N, C-alpha and C. Protein backbone atom coordinates (compact mmCIF):
# COMPACT_ATOMS: atom_id res chain seq x y z
N MET A 1 -2.09 -37.60 77.35
CA MET A 1 -3.01 -37.89 77.59
C MET A 1 -4.28 -37.67 78.78
N ARG A 2 -5.18 -37.72 78.75
CA ARG A 2 -5.68 -37.50 80.00
C ARG A 2 -7.49 -38.21 79.25
N ILE A 3 -7.61 -38.97 80.04
CA ILE A 3 -8.86 -39.68 79.36
C ILE A 3 -9.78 -39.56 80.74
N ALA A 4 -11.05 -38.68 80.16
CA ALA A 4 -12.62 -38.85 81.24
C ALA A 4 -13.85 -40.13 80.59
N TYR A 5 -13.70 -41.04 82.29
CA TYR A 5 -14.74 -41.75 82.35
C TYR A 5 -15.15 -41.87 82.93
N ASP A 6 -16.46 -42.39 82.57
CA ASP A 6 -17.43 -42.33 83.65
C ASP A 6 -17.63 -43.66 84.59
N ASP A 7 -18.43 -44.07 85.39
CA ASP A 7 -18.33 -44.87 85.53
C ASP A 7 -18.56 -45.35 86.86
N GLU A 8 -19.23 -46.42 88.07
CA GLU A 8 -20.02 -46.56 88.59
C GLU A 8 -20.12 -44.88 90.18
N LEU A 9 -18.89 -44.48 89.73
CA LEU A 9 -18.59 -43.24 90.83
C LEU A 9 -19.62 -41.99 90.48
N LYS A 10 -19.80 -42.50 90.09
CA LYS A 10 -20.68 -40.55 89.09
C LYS A 10 -21.70 -40.41 90.12
N GLY A 11 -21.45 -39.48 90.57
CA GLY A 11 -22.56 -38.88 91.17
C GLY A 11 -23.07 -39.23 92.45
N ARG A 12 -21.46 -40.33 93.04
CA ARG A 12 -21.01 -39.84 94.70
C ARG A 12 -20.64 -38.91 95.41
N ALA A 13 -21.07 -38.69 96.69
CA ALA A 13 -21.37 -36.81 97.64
C ALA A 13 -19.23 -37.12 96.93
N VAL A 14 -18.50 -36.32 97.45
CA VAL A 14 -17.26 -35.49 97.95
C VAL A 14 -16.99 -34.22 98.50
N ILE A 15 -16.38 -35.71 99.87
CA ILE A 15 -16.36 -34.64 101.38
C ILE A 15 -14.78 -34.39 101.78
N ASP A 16 -14.78 -32.98 101.45
CA ASP A 16 -13.46 -32.79 102.13
C ASP A 16 -12.94 -33.44 103.73
N GLY A 17 -11.87 -32.81 103.75
CA GLY A 17 -10.92 -33.26 105.62
C GLY A 17 -11.89 -32.81 106.76
N THR A 18 -12.75 -31.65 106.51
CA THR A 18 -14.06 -31.54 107.46
C THR A 18 -14.91 -31.67 107.68
N GLY A 19 -14.87 -33.03 106.74
CA GLY A 19 -16.94 -33.51 107.03
C GLY A 19 -17.32 -32.59 105.64
N LYS A 20 -17.66 -31.90 105.45
CA LYS A 20 -18.45 -30.94 104.87
C LYS A 20 -18.33 -31.30 103.10
N VAL A 21 -19.32 -31.48 101.78
CA VAL A 21 -19.72 -32.01 101.13
C VAL A 21 -19.01 -30.75 100.28
N VAL A 22 -18.05 -30.96 99.49
CA VAL A 22 -18.22 -30.00 98.20
C VAL A 22 -18.45 -30.28 96.89
N GLY A 23 -19.61 -31.75 96.56
CA GLY A 23 -20.11 -31.67 94.74
C GLY A 23 -20.16 -33.11 95.12
N ASP A 24 -20.36 -33.45 93.56
CA ASP A 24 -20.58 -35.12 93.07
C ASP A 24 -19.51 -35.55 92.12
N ILE A 25 -18.63 -36.64 91.93
CA ILE A 25 -18.03 -37.05 91.70
C ILE A 25 -18.42 -37.02 90.18
N ASP A 26 -18.01 -36.25 89.03
CA ASP A 26 -18.53 -36.15 87.48
C ASP A 26 -17.88 -37.58 86.32
N ALA A 27 -16.17 -37.79 87.01
CA ALA A 27 -15.78 -38.17 85.98
C ALA A 27 -14.52 -38.99 86.40
N LEU A 28 -14.32 -39.52 86.40
CA LEU A 28 -12.44 -40.72 86.48
C LEU A 28 -11.97 -40.59 85.85
N LEU A 29 -10.52 -39.36 86.12
CA LEU A 29 -9.72 -39.32 84.88
C LEU A 29 -8.40 -40.55 85.00
N ILE A 30 -8.57 -40.93 83.61
CA ILE A 30 -7.28 -41.94 83.36
C ILE A 30 -6.13 -40.92 82.49
N ASP A 31 -5.36 -41.53 83.33
CA ASP A 31 -4.16 -41.20 82.32
C ASP A 31 -4.24 -42.66 81.17
N GLY A 32 -4.43 -41.99 79.61
CA GLY A 32 -4.36 -42.63 78.75
C GLY A 32 -2.96 -43.43 77.85
N GLN A 33 -2.14 -43.61 78.63
CA GLN A 33 -0.81 -44.18 78.68
C GLN A 33 -0.94 -45.55 79.32
N SER A 34 -1.14 -45.32 80.51
CA SER A 34 -0.92 -45.74 81.89
C SER A 34 -2.41 -46.24 82.27
N TRP A 35 -2.69 -46.45 81.82
CA TRP A 35 -4.61 -45.96 81.78
C TRP A 35 -4.63 -46.82 84.16
N ARG A 36 -3.43 -44.79 84.13
CA ARG A 36 -3.73 -45.77 86.27
C ARG A 36 -4.85 -44.60 86.19
N VAL A 37 -5.44 -44.12 87.53
CA VAL A 37 -6.82 -43.38 87.71
C VAL A 37 -5.89 -42.21 87.93
N GLU A 38 -5.87 -41.17 87.46
CA GLU A 38 -5.03 -39.29 88.41
C GLU A 38 -6.10 -39.23 89.00
N GLY A 39 -7.41 -39.47 88.79
CA GLY A 39 -7.73 -38.20 89.52
C GLY A 39 -9.06 -37.81 89.20
N PHE A 40 -10.49 -37.28 89.64
CA PHE A 40 -11.44 -37.32 89.44
C PHE A 40 -11.62 -35.49 89.55
N ARG A 41 -13.03 -35.62 88.85
CA ARG A 41 -13.99 -34.54 88.24
C ARG A 41 -14.49 -33.93 89.13
N VAL A 42 -14.58 -33.23 89.44
CA VAL A 42 -15.98 -33.43 90.68
C VAL A 42 -16.62 -31.57 90.25
N LYS A 43 -18.36 -31.82 90.40
CA LYS A 43 -18.86 -31.05 90.24
C LYS A 43 -19.71 -30.59 91.01
N LEU A 44 -19.16 -29.33 91.22
CA LEU A 44 -18.85 -28.18 92.81
C LEU A 44 -20.03 -27.43 93.42
N ARG A 45 -20.74 -27.94 94.34
CA ARG A 45 -21.56 -27.44 95.05
C ARG A 45 -21.15 -25.49 94.68
N ARG A 46 -22.68 -25.12 94.46
CA ARG A 46 -22.33 -23.76 94.45
C ARG A 46 -21.17 -22.73 96.04
N ASP A 47 -22.03 -23.49 97.16
CA ASP A 47 -20.70 -22.57 98.18
C ASP A 47 -19.32 -23.41 98.14
N ALA A 48 -19.54 -24.42 97.66
CA ALA A 48 -17.76 -24.85 97.63
C ALA A 48 -17.20 -23.91 96.65
N ALA A 49 -18.44 -23.81 95.38
CA ALA A 49 -17.36 -23.57 94.63
C ALA A 49 -16.88 -21.52 95.00
N GLU A 50 -17.74 -20.72 95.50
CA GLU A 50 -18.11 -19.71 95.78
C GLU A 50 -16.49 -19.46 96.49
N GLN A 51 -16.48 -20.31 96.97
CA GLN A 51 -15.77 -20.59 98.53
C GLN A 51 -13.93 -20.60 97.69
N ILE A 52 -14.04 -21.09 96.99
CA ILE A 52 -12.68 -21.93 96.39
C ILE A 52 -12.26 -20.63 95.20
N GLY A 53 -13.65 -19.39 94.20
CA GLY A 53 -13.03 -19.19 93.41
C GLY A 53 -13.33 -19.59 92.46
N ALA A 54 -14.06 -20.68 91.96
CA ALA A 54 -14.64 -21.24 90.74
C ALA A 54 -15.03 -21.00 90.20
N GLU A 55 -14.47 -20.66 88.82
CA GLU A 55 -15.93 -20.04 87.60
C GLU A 55 -16.82 -20.75 87.71
N HIS A 56 -18.35 -20.38 87.78
CA HIS A 56 -20.34 -21.60 87.45
C HIS A 56 -20.71 -20.30 86.70
N ARG A 57 -21.70 -21.05 86.11
CA ARG A 57 -22.74 -19.80 85.17
C ARG A 57 -23.94 -20.55 86.32
N ARG A 58 -24.61 -19.39 85.38
CA ARG A 58 -26.07 -20.02 86.05
C ARG A 58 -26.45 -21.42 86.40
N PHE A 59 -26.65 -22.25 84.39
CA PHE A 59 -27.22 -23.45 84.33
C PHE A 59 -26.34 -24.24 84.45
N GLN A 60 -24.97 -23.80 85.07
CA GLN A 60 -24.11 -24.98 84.36
C GLN A 60 -22.61 -25.28 86.25
N SER A 61 -22.69 -26.08 86.93
CA SER A 61 -22.03 -25.92 87.84
C SER A 61 -20.39 -26.14 87.65
N ALA A 62 -19.84 -25.34 88.44
CA ALA A 62 -18.44 -25.47 88.26
C ALA A 62 -18.49 -26.57 88.12
N THR A 63 -16.99 -27.50 87.99
CA THR A 63 -16.42 -28.06 87.94
C THR A 63 -14.52 -28.10 88.24
N LEU A 64 -14.15 -29.23 88.71
CA LEU A 64 -13.05 -29.36 89.96
C LEU A 64 -11.67 -30.34 89.56
N ASP A 65 -10.68 -30.67 89.31
CA ASP A 65 -10.47 -31.97 88.36
C ASP A 65 -9.54 -32.07 90.23
N VAL A 66 -9.71 -32.99 90.85
CA VAL A 66 -8.80 -33.44 92.07
C VAL A 66 -8.08 -34.58 91.92
N PRO A 67 -7.05 -34.44 92.38
CA PRO A 67 -5.85 -35.44 91.71
C PRO A 67 -6.31 -36.85 93.17
N VAL A 68 -5.36 -37.87 93.01
CA VAL A 68 -5.99 -38.67 93.72
C VAL A 68 -5.03 -38.64 95.04
N ASP A 69 -3.73 -38.02 95.51
CA ASP A 69 -3.12 -37.72 96.10
C ASP A 69 -4.09 -37.60 97.43
N LEU A 70 -4.92 -36.20 96.34
CA LEU A 70 -5.74 -35.80 97.31
C LEU A 70 -7.31 -36.65 98.20
N VAL A 71 -6.93 -37.16 97.80
CA VAL A 71 -8.09 -38.56 98.39
C VAL A 71 -7.80 -39.60 99.84
N HIS A 72 -8.73 -39.36 100.98
CA HIS A 72 -8.28 -40.61 101.62
C HIS A 72 -8.99 -41.54 102.06
N ALA A 73 -10.01 -41.62 101.22
CA ALA A 73 -10.56 -42.54 101.31
C ALA A 73 -11.89 -43.10 100.65
N ALA A 74 -12.21 -43.45 99.55
CA ALA A 74 -13.18 -43.53 98.26
C ALA A 74 -14.19 -45.24 98.63
N GLY A 75 -15.28 -44.68 98.69
CA GLY A 75 -16.61 -45.82 98.57
C GLY A 75 -18.26 -45.61 98.77
N ASP A 76 -18.73 -45.26 99.24
CA ASP A 76 -20.21 -45.09 99.19
C ASP A 76 -19.93 -42.68 98.96
N ALA A 77 -19.12 -42.64 99.30
CA ALA A 77 -17.78 -41.20 99.51
C ALA A 77 -17.28 -41.40 99.00
N VAL A 78 -16.44 -40.56 98.08
CA VAL A 78 -15.42 -39.95 98.34
C VAL A 78 -15.03 -38.68 98.90
N ILE A 79 -13.45 -39.21 100.14
CA ILE A 79 -13.34 -38.04 101.33
C ILE A 79 -11.95 -37.57 100.89
N LEU A 80 -11.53 -36.16 100.58
CA LEU A 80 -10.69 -35.80 100.79
C LEU A 80 -10.26 -36.03 102.23
N ASN A 81 -8.32 -35.44 102.05
CA ASN A 81 -7.66 -35.16 103.45
C ASN A 81 -7.71 -33.85 103.04
N VAL A 82 -7.72 -32.93 102.29
CA VAL A 82 -7.50 -31.84 102.59
C VAL A 82 -9.53 -30.63 102.85
N PRO A 83 -8.81 -29.45 103.23
CA PRO A 83 -10.37 -28.77 103.45
C PRO A 83 -11.11 -28.29 101.99
N THR A 84 -11.88 -27.62 102.31
CA THR A 84 -12.15 -26.88 100.94
C THR A 84 -11.38 -25.92 100.62
N ALA A 85 -11.28 -25.28 101.02
CA ALA A 85 -10.05 -23.78 101.02
C ALA A 85 -8.73 -24.33 100.16
N ALA A 86 -8.96 -25.81 100.34
CA ALA A 86 -7.22 -25.72 99.81
C ALA A 86 -6.90 -26.08 98.32
N LEU A 87 -8.64 -26.71 98.26
CA LEU A 87 -8.83 -26.91 96.59
C LEU A 87 -8.78 -25.76 95.42
N ARG A 88 -8.45 -24.48 96.01
CA ARG A 88 -8.34 -23.51 95.94
C ARG A 88 -7.26 -24.03 94.47
N GLU A 89 -5.91 -23.55 95.08
CA GLU A 89 -5.31 -24.13 94.35
C GLU A 89 -5.42 -25.43 92.59
N LEU A 90 -6.55 -25.44 93.06
CA LEU A 90 -6.35 -26.75 91.75
C LEU A 90 -7.27 -26.34 90.79
N ARG A 91 -7.38 -24.82 90.77
CA ARG A 91 -8.41 -24.22 89.82
C ARG A 91 -7.22 -23.73 88.16
N PRO A 92 -8.57 -24.07 87.21
CA PRO A 92 -7.53 -24.23 86.41
C PRO A 92 -6.25 -22.94 85.92
N ALA A 93 -5.26 -22.91 85.78
CA ALA A 93 -4.72 -21.48 84.95
C ALA A 93 -5.76 -20.43 84.46
N ALA A 94 -6.37 -20.77 83.53
CA ALA A 94 -6.88 -20.10 82.87
C ALA A 94 -7.89 -19.34 83.75
N GLU A 95 -8.27 -19.77 84.47
CA GLU A 95 -9.31 -18.91 85.69
C GLU A 95 -8.45 -18.23 86.22
N VAL A 96 -7.57 -18.35 86.89
CA VAL A 96 -6.69 -17.52 87.76
C VAL A 96 -5.53 -16.68 87.24
N ALA A 97 -5.47 -16.64 85.85
CA ALA A 97 -4.91 -15.72 84.86
C ALA A 97 -6.23 -15.34 85.00
N ALA A 98 -7.48 -14.88 84.46
CA ALA A 98 -8.31 -14.20 83.86
C ALA A 98 -9.17 -13.76 85.32
N GLY A 99 -7.96 -14.30 86.68
CA GLY A 99 -8.35 -12.99 87.83
C GLY A 99 -10.22 -13.27 88.40
N THR A 100 -11.32 -14.64 88.41
CA THR A 100 -12.07 -15.08 88.82
C THR A 100 -11.41 -15.05 90.17
N THR A 101 -12.38 -14.53 90.71
CA THR A 101 -12.44 -14.70 92.13
C THR A 101 -12.62 -15.90 92.61
């Protein structure tokens, strides 16, 4: 069971491995049994969402769950160790099956 938990990290910038801001932290993802942090839910910027083919709506940002193993450092911002294009693999299976580009 996965729990989404909002904390003081919410709203901090998420930067890819090339220095590009891809979005902001929306929630912390915690395993409900072990209480370990599994990752972050990121509210993607429109350009990053379009680059990886994540579904977004007119008045709702696309989100993406990013596992902690892709995080290089976390402080005032969360820095990933991969470029934005590598996040394409993390899209939910439903989006991929629906053919979202």
